[in-house]
């Protein structure tokens, strides 16, 4: 039985074999080099002159501003990202320039990801709302707006390794999936059941598979990248929600 063309999911499904691999330039967080100024010739002077203790003190305290500003920088980056995607209708109104800007901001935030092993963190549990994506199948931009899903959600249970994607009006479609960890932040996704209109269950075909890498995670925001190169940004809306068994 063919699946309804109106059904789309947040976890990108790869229907071809083998699944395309995500380029390293996209899947890995960007690294930012430190700028190192050359030291003064007398920086390592071990003489007992009165200036030596003062020089040592000045070198030590110079590290504090960067350390103290690290958390602030992450907050600023996150707010910049949220401000950038706010007028883009979850990505449906994004131009190529908008997409590039969002991807750059997301990459900067990924570089300061506070949760290095998201699949071992309780922060992943709960119901998330999709607030931005580059996935055309989810955005459904080829349709009139009144025929597009108005909101998309994704729930994840770390303890049971289960996931659920849900659409709101006008379709209310759902899909559940098993997750298999590939490393501490990447999972293989195998979909098992679709629910058309949230009511009619249909067993998913065996080829309904994909991969998802969680590249940023904190108490309120998650960034993920799919095996087809799509970017997903979600916000936490219900931490108590659990995927139905």
C-alpha atoms as a PDB file:
ATOM      1  CA  UNK A   1       0.000   0.000   0.000  1.00  0.00           C
ATOM      2  CA  UNK A   2       1.363   3.390  -0.944  1.00  0.00           C
ATOM      3  CA  UNK A   3       1.791   5.819   1.907  1.00  0.00           C
ATOM      4  CA  UNK A   4      -0.144   9.053   1.897  1.00  0.00           C
ATOM      5  CA  UNK A   5       1.858  11.777   0.072  1.00  0.00           C
ATOM      6  CA  UNK A   6       0.801  14.198   2.799  1.00  0.00           C
ATOM      7  CA  UNK A   7       2.867  12.472   5.441  1.00  0.00           C
ATOM      8  CA  UNK A   8       6.310  13.828   6.249  1.00  0.00           C
ATOM      9  CA  UNK A   9       8.630  13.384   9.198  1.00  0.00           C
ATOM     10  CA  UNK A  10      11.315  15.314  11.021  1.00  0.00           C
ATOM     11  CA  UNK A  11      13.720  12.397  10.918  1.00  0.00           C
ATOM     12  CA  UNK A  12      14.771  12.306   7.272  1.00  0.00           C
ATOM     13  CA  UNK A  13      14.015   8.913   5.692  1.00  0.00           C
ATOM     14  CA  UNK A  14      16.548   7.613   3.197  1.00  0.00           C
ATOM     15  CA  UNK A  15      14.723   5.284   0.770  1.00  0.00           C
ATOM     16  CA  UNK A  16      17.712   4.430  -1.382  1.00  0.00           C
ATOM     17  CA  UNK A  17      20.482   1.947  -0.624  1.00  0.00           C
ATOM     18  CA  UNK A  18      23.075   2.610   0.421  1.00  0.00           C
ATOM     19  CA  UNK A  19      22.167   5.817   2.283  1.00  0.00           C
ATOM     20  CA  UNK A  20      24.251   8.814   1.218  1.00  0.00           C
ATOM     21  CA  UNK A  21      26.905   9.802   3.701  1.00  0.00           C
ATOM     22  CA  UNK A  22      26.848  13.300   5.142  1.00  0.00           C
ATOM     23  CA  UNK A  23      29.975  15.276   4.115  1.00  0.00           C
ATOM     24  CA  UNK A  24      32.366  15.788   7.029  1.00  0.00           C
ATOM     25  CA  UNK A  25      32.249  19.523   6.413  1.00  0.00           C
ATOM     26  CA  UNK A  26      28.576  19.488   7.377  1.00  0.00           C
ATOM     27  CA  UNK A  27      28.426  16.804  10.056  1.00  0.00           C
ATOM     28  CA  UNK A  28      31.286  18.031  12.194  1.00  0.00           C
ATOM     29  CA  UNK A  29      31.189  21.199  14.292  1.00  0.00           C
ATOM     30  CA  UNK A  30      33.525  23.923  13.126  1.00  0.00           C
ATOM     31  CA  UNK A  31      36.705  24.489  15.117  1.00  0.00           C
ATOM     32  CA  UNK A  32      37.992  27.963  15.781  1.00  0.00           C
ATOM     33  CA  UNK A  33      41.755  28.533  16.060  1.00  0.00           C
ATOM     34  CA  UNK A  34      43.183  30.451  18.983  1.00  0.00           C
ATOM     35  CA  UNK A  35      44.970  33.654  18.140  1.00  0.00           C
ATOM     36  CA  UNK A  36      48.330  33.594  19.875  1.00  0.00           C
ATOM     37  CA  UNK A  37      50.370  36.765  20.180  1.00  0.00           C
ATOM     38  CA  UNK A  38      54.184  36.443  20.335  1.00  0.00           C
ATOM     39  CA  UNK A  39      55.548  36.718  23.848  1.00  0.00           C
ATOM     40  CA  UNK A  40      57.775  39.566  24.937  1.00  0.00           C
ATOM     41  CA  UNK A  41      61.478  38.538  24.908  1.00  0.00           C
ATOM     42  CA  UNK A  42      61.577  38.912  28.703  1.00  0.00           C
ATOM     43  CA  UNK A  43      58.457  36.801  29.319  1.00  0.00           C
ATOM     44  CA  UNK A  44      60.504  33.829  30.470  1.00  0.00           C
ATOM     45  CA  UNK A  45      63.096  35.846  32.392  1.00  0.00           C
ATOM     46  CA  UNK A  46      63.793  33.903  35.609  1.00  0.00           C
ATOM     47  CA  UNK A  47      65.798  36.661  37.269  1.00  0.00           C
ATOM     48  CA  UNK A  48      64.909  37.800  40.777  1.00  0.00           C
ATOM     49  CA  UNK A  49      64.134  41.330  39.688  1.00  0.00           C
ATOM     50  CA  UNK A  50      61.098  42.981  41.229  1.00  0.00           C
ATOM     51  CA  UNK A  51      59.256  42.990  37.875  1.00  0.00           C
ATOM     52  CA  UNK A  52      59.178  39.175  37.578  1.00  0.00           C
ATOM     53  CA  UNK A  53      56.318  38.505  40.076  1.00  0.00           C
ATOM     54  CA  UNK A  54      54.308  41.306  38.544  1.00  0.00           C
ATOM     55  CA  UNK A  55      54.828  39.874  35.045  1.00  0.00           C
ATOM     56  CA  UNK A  56      53.716  36.406  36.226  1.00  0.00           C
ATOM     57  CA  UNK A  57      50.574  37.836  37.842  1.00  0.00           C
ATOM     58  CA  UNK A  58      49.683  39.739  34.677  1.00  0.00           C
ATOM     59  CA  UNK A  59      50.046  36.598  32.523  1.00  0.00           C
ATOM     60  CA  UNK A  60      47.835  34.537  34.869  1.00  0.00           C
ATOM     61  CA  UNK A  61      44.949  36.983  35.129  1.00  0.00           C
ATOM     62  CA  UNK A  62      44.799  37.387  31.357  1.00  0.00           C
ATOM     63  CA  UNK A  63      43.135  33.961  31.127  1.00  0.00           C
ATOM     64  CA  UNK A  64      40.135  34.867  33.297  1.00  0.00           C
ATOM     65  CA  UNK A  65      38.131  37.051  30.872  1.00  0.00           C
ATOM     66  CA  UNK A  66      37.958  34.314  28.218  1.00  0.00           C
ATOM     67  CA  UNK A  67      36.941  31.730  30.818  1.00  0.00           C
ATOM     68  CA  UNK A  68      34.227  33.900  32.330  1.00  0.00           C
ATOM     69  CA  UNK A  69      32.813  34.936  28.937  1.00  0.00           C
ATOM     70  CA  UNK A  70      32.454  31.406  27.558  1.00  0.00           C
ATOM     71  CA  UNK A  71      28.891  30.909  28.858  1.00  0.00           C
ATOM     72  CA  UNK A  72      27.874  34.388  27.830  1.00  0.00           C
ATOM     73  CA  UNK A  73      29.133  33.788  24.299  1.00  0.00           C
ATOM     74  CA  UNK A  74      26.977  30.655  23.978  1.00  0.00           C
ATOM     75  CA  UNK A  75      23.901  32.602  25.112  1.00  0.00           C
ATOM     76  CA  UNK A  76      24.607  35.359  22.618  1.00  0.00           C
ATOM     77  CA  UNK A  77      25.105  32.866  19.793  1.00  0.00           C
ATOM     78  CA  UNK A  78      21.859  31.096  20.660  1.00  0.00           C
ATOM     79  CA  UNK A  79      19.897  34.333  20.730  1.00  0.00           C
ATOM     80  CA  UNK A  80      21.417  35.393  17.398  1.00  0.00           C
ATOM     81  CA  UNK A  81      20.317  32.074  15.913  1.00  0.00           C
ATOM     82  CA  UNK A  82      16.775  32.370  17.293  1.00  0.00           C
ATOM     83  CA  UNK A  83      16.497  35.957  16.040  1.00  0.00           C
ATOM     84  CA  UNK A  84      17.679  34.871  12.599  1.00  0.00           C
ATOM     85  CA  UNK A  85      15.143  32.061  12.156  1.00  0.00           C
ATOM     86  CA  UNK A  86      12.172  33.843  13.781  1.00  0.00           C
ATOM     87  CA  UNK A  87      10.868  35.512  10.576  1.00  0.00           C
ATOM     88  CA  UNK A  88      11.542  32.508   8.292  1.00  0.00           C
ATOM     89  CA  UNK A  89       8.350  30.466   8.949  1.00  0.00           C
ATOM     90  CA  UNK A  90      10.355  27.391  10.109  1.00  0.00           C
ATOM     91  CA  UNK A  91      12.512  27.777   6.981  1.00  0.00           C
ATOM     92  CA  UNK A  92       9.709  27.930   4.395  1.00  0.00           C
ATOM     93  CA  UNK A  93      10.453  31.601   3.653  1.00  0.00           C
ATOM     94  CA  UNK A  94      14.241  31.267   3.813  1.00  0.00           C
ATOM     95  CA  UNK A  95      16.287  32.386   0.823  1.00  0.00           C
ATOM     96  CA  UNK A  96      19.598  30.654   0.010  1.00  0.00           C
ATOM     97  CA  UNK A  97      21.299  33.560   1.788  1.00  0.00           C
ATOM     98  CA  UNK A  98      19.085  33.044   4.842  1.00  0.00           C
ATOM     99  CA  UNK A  99      19.911  29.328   4.874  1.00  0.00           C
ATOM    100  CA  UNK A 100      23.612  30.076   4.698  1.00  0.00           C
ATOM    101  CA  UNK A 101      23.380  32.564   7.562  1.00  0.00           C
ATOM    102  CA  UNK A 102      21.409  30.131   9.741  1.00  0.00           C
ATOM    103  CA  UNK A 103      23.862  27.319   9.004  1.00  0.00           C
ATOM    104  CA  UNK A 104      26.809  29.535   9.960  1.00  0.00           C
ATOM    105  CA  UNK A 105      25.197  30.523  13.263  1.00  0.00           C
ATOM    106  CA  UNK A 106      24.230  26.907  13.971  1.00  0.00           C
ATOM    107  CA  UNK A 107      27.811  25.790  13.308  1.00  0.00           C
ATOM    108  CA  UNK A 108      29.164  28.381  15.738  1.00  0.00           C
ATOM    109  CA  UNK A 109      26.737  27.203  18.402  1.00  0.00           C
ATOM    110  CA  UNK A 110      27.613  23.559  17.732  1.00  0.00           C
ATOM    111  CA  UNK A 111      31.254  24.433  18.382  1.00  0.00           C
ATOM    112  CA  UNK A 112      30.368  25.351  21.993  1.00  0.00           C
ATOM    113  CA  UNK A 113      27.969  22.446  22.560  1.00  0.00           C
ATOM    114  CA  UNK A 114      27.719  21.955  26.354  1.00  0.00           C
ATOM    115  CA  UNK A 115      26.488  18.341  26.041  1.00  0.00           C
ATOM    116  CA  UNK A 116      29.236  16.278  24.447  1.00  0.00           C
ATOM    117  CA  UNK A 117      27.371  12.961  24.765  1.00  0.00           C
ATOM    118  CA  UNK A 118      23.689  13.786  24.152  1.00  0.00           C
ATOM    119  CA  UNK A 119      22.580  10.158  23.927  1.00  0.00           C
ATOM    120  CA  UNK A 120      23.644   9.752  27.555  1.00  0.00           C
ATOM    121  CA  UNK A 121      21.839  12.895  28.717  1.00  0.00           C
ATOM    122  CA  UNK A 122      18.347  13.216  30.185  1.00  0.00           C
ATOM    123  CA  UNK A 123      18.130  16.599  28.419  1.00  0.00           C
ATOM    124  CA  UNK A 124      17.205  14.703  25.250  1.00  0.00           C
ATOM    125  CA  UNK A 125      14.025  13.245  26.794  1.00  0.00           C
ATOM    126  CA  UNK A 126      10.680  14.892  26.079  1.00  0.00           C
ATOM    127  CA  UNK A 127       8.709  16.570  23.321  1.00  0.00           C
ATOM    128  CA  UNK A 128      10.418  19.042  20.989  1.00  0.00           C
ATOM    129  CA  UNK A 129       8.909  21.486  18.504  1.00  0.00           C
ATOM    130  CA  UNK A 130      10.593  21.971  15.146  1.00  0.00           C
ATOM    131  CA  UNK A 131      11.291  25.702  14.679  1.00  0.00           C
ATOM    132  CA  UNK A 132      13.550  25.524  11.616  1.00  0.00           C
ATOM    133  CA  UNK A 133      14.575  23.024   8.960  1.00  0.00           C
ATOM    134  CA  UNK A 134      15.974  22.866   5.448  1.00  0.00           C
ATOM    135  CA  UNK A 135      13.949  19.720   4.654  1.00  0.00           C
ATOM    136  CA  UNK A 136      11.631  20.439   1.725  1.00  0.00           C
ATOM    137  CA  UNK A 137       9.558  17.332   2.451  1.00  0.00           C
ATOM    138  CA  UNK A 138       8.685  18.681   5.899  1.00  0.00           C
ATOM    139  CA  UNK A 139       8.180  22.305   4.848  1.00  0.00           C
ATOM    140  CA  UNK A 140       5.941  21.243   1.920  1.00  0.00           C
ATOM    141  CA  UNK A 141       6.613  24.552   0.172  1.00  0.00           C
ATOM    142  CA  UNK A 142       5.171  23.235  -3.097  1.00  0.00           C
ATOM    143  CA  UNK A 143       1.697  23.350  -1.507  1.00  0.00           C
ATOM    144  CA  UNK A 144      -0.544  26.254  -0.523  1.00  0.00           C
ATOM    145  CA  UNK A 145      -0.010  27.223   3.105  1.00  0.00           C
ATOM    146  CA  UNK A 146      -3.425  25.939   4.207  1.00  0.00           C
ATOM    147  CA  UNK A 147      -2.429  22.436   3.060  1.00  0.00           C
ATOM    148  CA  UNK A 148       0.865  22.412   4.973  1.00  0.00           C
ATOM    149  CA  UNK A 149       1.302  21.000   8.444  1.00  0.00           C
ATOM    150  CA  UNK A 150       1.230  24.004  10.757  1.00  0.00           C
ATOM    151  CA  UNK A 151       3.513  22.495  13.434  1.00  0.00           C
ATOM    152  CA  UNK A 152       5.824  19.495  13.687  1.00  0.00           C
ATOM    153  CA  UNK A 153       6.952  17.777  16.875  1.00  0.00           C
ATOM    154  CA  UNK A 154       9.496  15.130  17.766  1.00  0.00           C
ATOM    155  CA  UNK A 155       9.691  13.143  20.990  1.00  0.00           C
ATOM    156  CA  UNK A 156      12.671  11.062  22.098  1.00  0.00           C
ATOM    157  CA  UNK A 157      13.104   8.587  24.953  1.00  0.00           C
ATOM    158  CA  UNK A 158      16.761   7.962  25.755  1.00  0.00           C
ATOM    159  CA  UNK A 159      16.031   5.074  28.142  1.00  0.00           C
ATOM    160  CA  UNK A 160      13.982   3.075  25.623  1.00  0.00           C
ATOM    161  CA  UNK A 161      15.702   4.432  22.475  1.00  0.00           C
ATOM    162  CA  UNK A 162      12.359   5.285  20.912  1.00  0.00           C
ATOM    163  CA  UNK A 163      11.342   8.303  18.847  1.00  0.00           C
ATOM    164  CA  UNK A 164       8.049   9.693  17.593  1.00  0.00           C
ATOM    165  CA  UNK A 165       7.312  12.370  14.995  1.00  0.00           C
ATOM    166  CA  UNK A 166       3.960  14.159  14.970  1.00  0.00           C
ATOM    167  CA  UNK A 167       2.234  16.631  12.680  1.00  0.00           C
ATOM    168  CA  UNK A 168      -0.485  19.019  13.784  1.00  0.00           C
ATOM    169  CA  UNK A 169      -3.418  20.303  11.749  1.00  0.00           C
ATOM    170  CA  UNK A 170      -4.533  19.535   9.068  1.00  0.00           C
ATOM    171  CA  UNK A 171      -3.128  15.979   8.855  1.00  0.00           C
ATOM    172  CA  UNK A 172      -2.148  14.866  12.399  1.00  0.00           C
ATOM    173  CA  UNK A 173       0.065  12.097  10.992  1.00  0.00           C
ATOM    174  CA  UNK A 174       2.538  10.276  13.250  1.00  0.00           C
ATOM    175  CA  UNK A 175       5.406   7.814  12.974  1.00  0.00           C
ATOM    176  CA  UNK A 176       7.376   5.890  15.581  1.00  0.00           C
ATOM    177  CA  UNK A 177      10.908   4.545  15.289  1.00  0.00           C
ATOM    178  CA  UNK A 178      13.619   2.535  17.015  1.00  0.00           C
ATOM    179  CA  UNK A 179      16.969   4.244  17.563  1.00  0.00           C
ATOM    180  CA  UNK A 180      20.312   2.450  17.447  1.00  0.00           C
ATOM    181  CA  UNK A 181      23.288   4.454  18.768  1.00  0.00           C
ATOM    182  CA  UNK A 182      26.218   4.678  16.357  1.00  0.00           C
ATOM    183  CA  UNK A 183      28.246   6.787  18.768  1.00  0.00           C
ATOM    184  CA  UNK A 184      27.543   9.135  21.703  1.00  0.00           C
ATOM    185  CA  UNK A 185      25.617  11.604  19.547  1.00  0.00           C
ATOM    186  CA  UNK A 186      24.518   9.811  16.369  1.00  0.00           C
ATOM    187  CA  UNK A 187      21.753   7.238  15.860  1.00  0.00           C
ATOM    188  CA  UNK A 188      20.478   4.982  13.119  1.00  0.00           C
ATOM    189  CA  UNK A 189      16.706   5.348  12.753  1.00  0.00           C
ATOM    190  CA  UNK A 190      14.374   2.494  11.759  1.00  0.00           C
ATOM    191  CA  UNK A 191      10.731   3.489  11.419  1.00  0.00           C
ATOM    192  CA  UNK A 192       8.204   0.851  12.444  1.00  0.00           C
ATOM    193  CA  UNK A 193       4.652   2.269  12.289  1.00  0.00           C
ATOM    194  CA  UNK A 194       2.972   5.205  10.605  1.00  0.00           C
ATOM    195  CA  UNK A 195      -0.355   6.484  11.868  1.00  0.00           C
ATOM    196  CA  UNK A 196      -2.388   8.244   9.211  1.00  0.00           C
ATOM    197  CA  UNK A 197      -4.439  10.972  10.822  1.00  0.00           C
ATOM    198  CA  UNK A 198      -2.982   9.797  14.114  1.00  0.00           C
ATOM    199  CA  UNK A 199      -5.435   6.856  14.073  1.00  0.00           C
ATOM    200  CA  UNK A 200      -4.861   4.386  11.216  1.00  0.00           C
ATOM    201  CA  UNK A 201      -1.681   2.319  11.788  1.00  0.00           C
ATOM    202  CA  UNK A 202       0.383   1.177   8.808  1.00  0.00           C
ATOM    203  CA  UNK A 203       3.549  -0.893   9.146  1.00  0.00           C
ATOM    204  CA  UNK A 204       6.542   0.982   7.755  1.00  0.00           C
ATOM    205  CA  UNK A 205       8.470  -0.614   4.871  1.00  0.00           C
ATOM    206  CA  UNK A 206      11.887  -2.045   5.716  1.00  0.00           C
ATOM    207  CA  UNK A 207      13.626   0.626   3.661  1.00  0.00           C
ATOM    208  CA  UNK A 208      12.205   3.396   5.878  1.00  0.00           C
ATOM    209  CA  UNK A 209      15.492   4.176   7.574  1.00  0.00           C
ATOM    210  CA  UNK A 210      17.769   7.119   8.228  1.00  0.00           C
ATOM    211  CA  UNK A 211      20.424   8.591  10.490  1.00  0.00           C
ATOM    212  CA  UNK A 212      20.398  11.580  12.809  1.00  0.00           C
ATOM    213  CA  UNK A 213      23.280  13.352  14.545  1.00  0.00           C
ATOM    214  CA  UNK A 214      22.603  15.569  17.570  1.00  0.00           C
ATOM    215  CA  UNK A 215      25.156  18.359  17.302  1.00  0.00           C
ATOM    216  CA  UNK A 216      23.940  20.735  20.031  1.00  0.00           C
ATOM    217  CA  UNK A 217      21.850  20.120  23.150  1.00  0.00           C
ATOM    218  CA  UNK A 218      20.942  22.187  26.193  1.00  0.00           C
ATOM    219  CA  UNK A 219      17.867  22.597  28.420  1.00  0.00           C
ATOM    220  CA  UNK A 220      15.828  24.394  25.770  1.00  0.00           C
ATOM    221  CA  UNK A 221      17.405  23.987  22.324  1.00  0.00           C
ATOM    222  CA  UNK A 222      18.535  21.097  20.140  1.00  0.00           C
ATOM    223  CA  UNK A 223      20.299  21.123  16.782  1.00  0.00           C
ATOM    224  CA  UNK A 224      20.407  17.968  14.672  1.00  0.00           C
ATOM    225  CA  UNK A 225      21.690  17.090  11.199  1.00  0.00           C
ATOM    226  CA  UNK A 226      20.309  14.285   9.056  1.00  0.00           C
ATOM    227  CA  UNK A 227      22.081  11.872   6.737  1.00  0.00           C
ATOM    228  CA  UNK A 228      20.681  13.724   3.716  1.00  0.00           C
ATOM    229  CA  UNK A 229      22.309  16.969   4.807  1.00  0.00           C
ATOM    230  CA  UNK A 230      19.239  18.646   6.302  1.00  0.00           C
ATOM    231  CA  UNK A 231      19.447  20.890   9.352  1.00  0.00           C
ATOM    232  CA  UNK A 232      16.874  20.648  12.154  1.00  0.00           C
ATOM    233  CA  UNK A 233      16.525  23.133  15.026  1.00  0.00           C
ATOM    234  CA  UNK A 234      14.039  22.323  17.795  1.00  0.00           C
ATOM    235  CA  UNK A 235      12.940  23.825  21.094  1.00  0.00           C
ATOM    236  CA  UNK A 236      11.827  21.897  24.165  1.00  0.00           C
ATOM    237  CA  UNK A 237       8.123  22.234  24.971  1.00  0.00           C
ATOM    238  CA  UNK A 238       7.304  19.285  27.285  1.00  0.00           C
ATOM    239  CA  UNK A 239      10.040  17.509  29.212  1.00  0.00           C
ATOM    240  CA  UNK A 240       7.583  15.087  30.846  1.00  0.00           C
ATOM    241  CA  UNK A 241       6.290  13.645  27.551  1.00  0.00           C
ATOM    242  CA  UNK A 242       7.233  10.058  26.720  1.00  0.00           C
ATOM    243  CA  UNK A 243       6.889   8.106  23.471  1.00  0.00           C
ATOM    244  CA  UNK A 244       3.958   5.633  23.754  1.00  0.00           C
ATOM    245  CA  UNK A 245       4.999   1.988  23.910  1.00  0.00           C
END
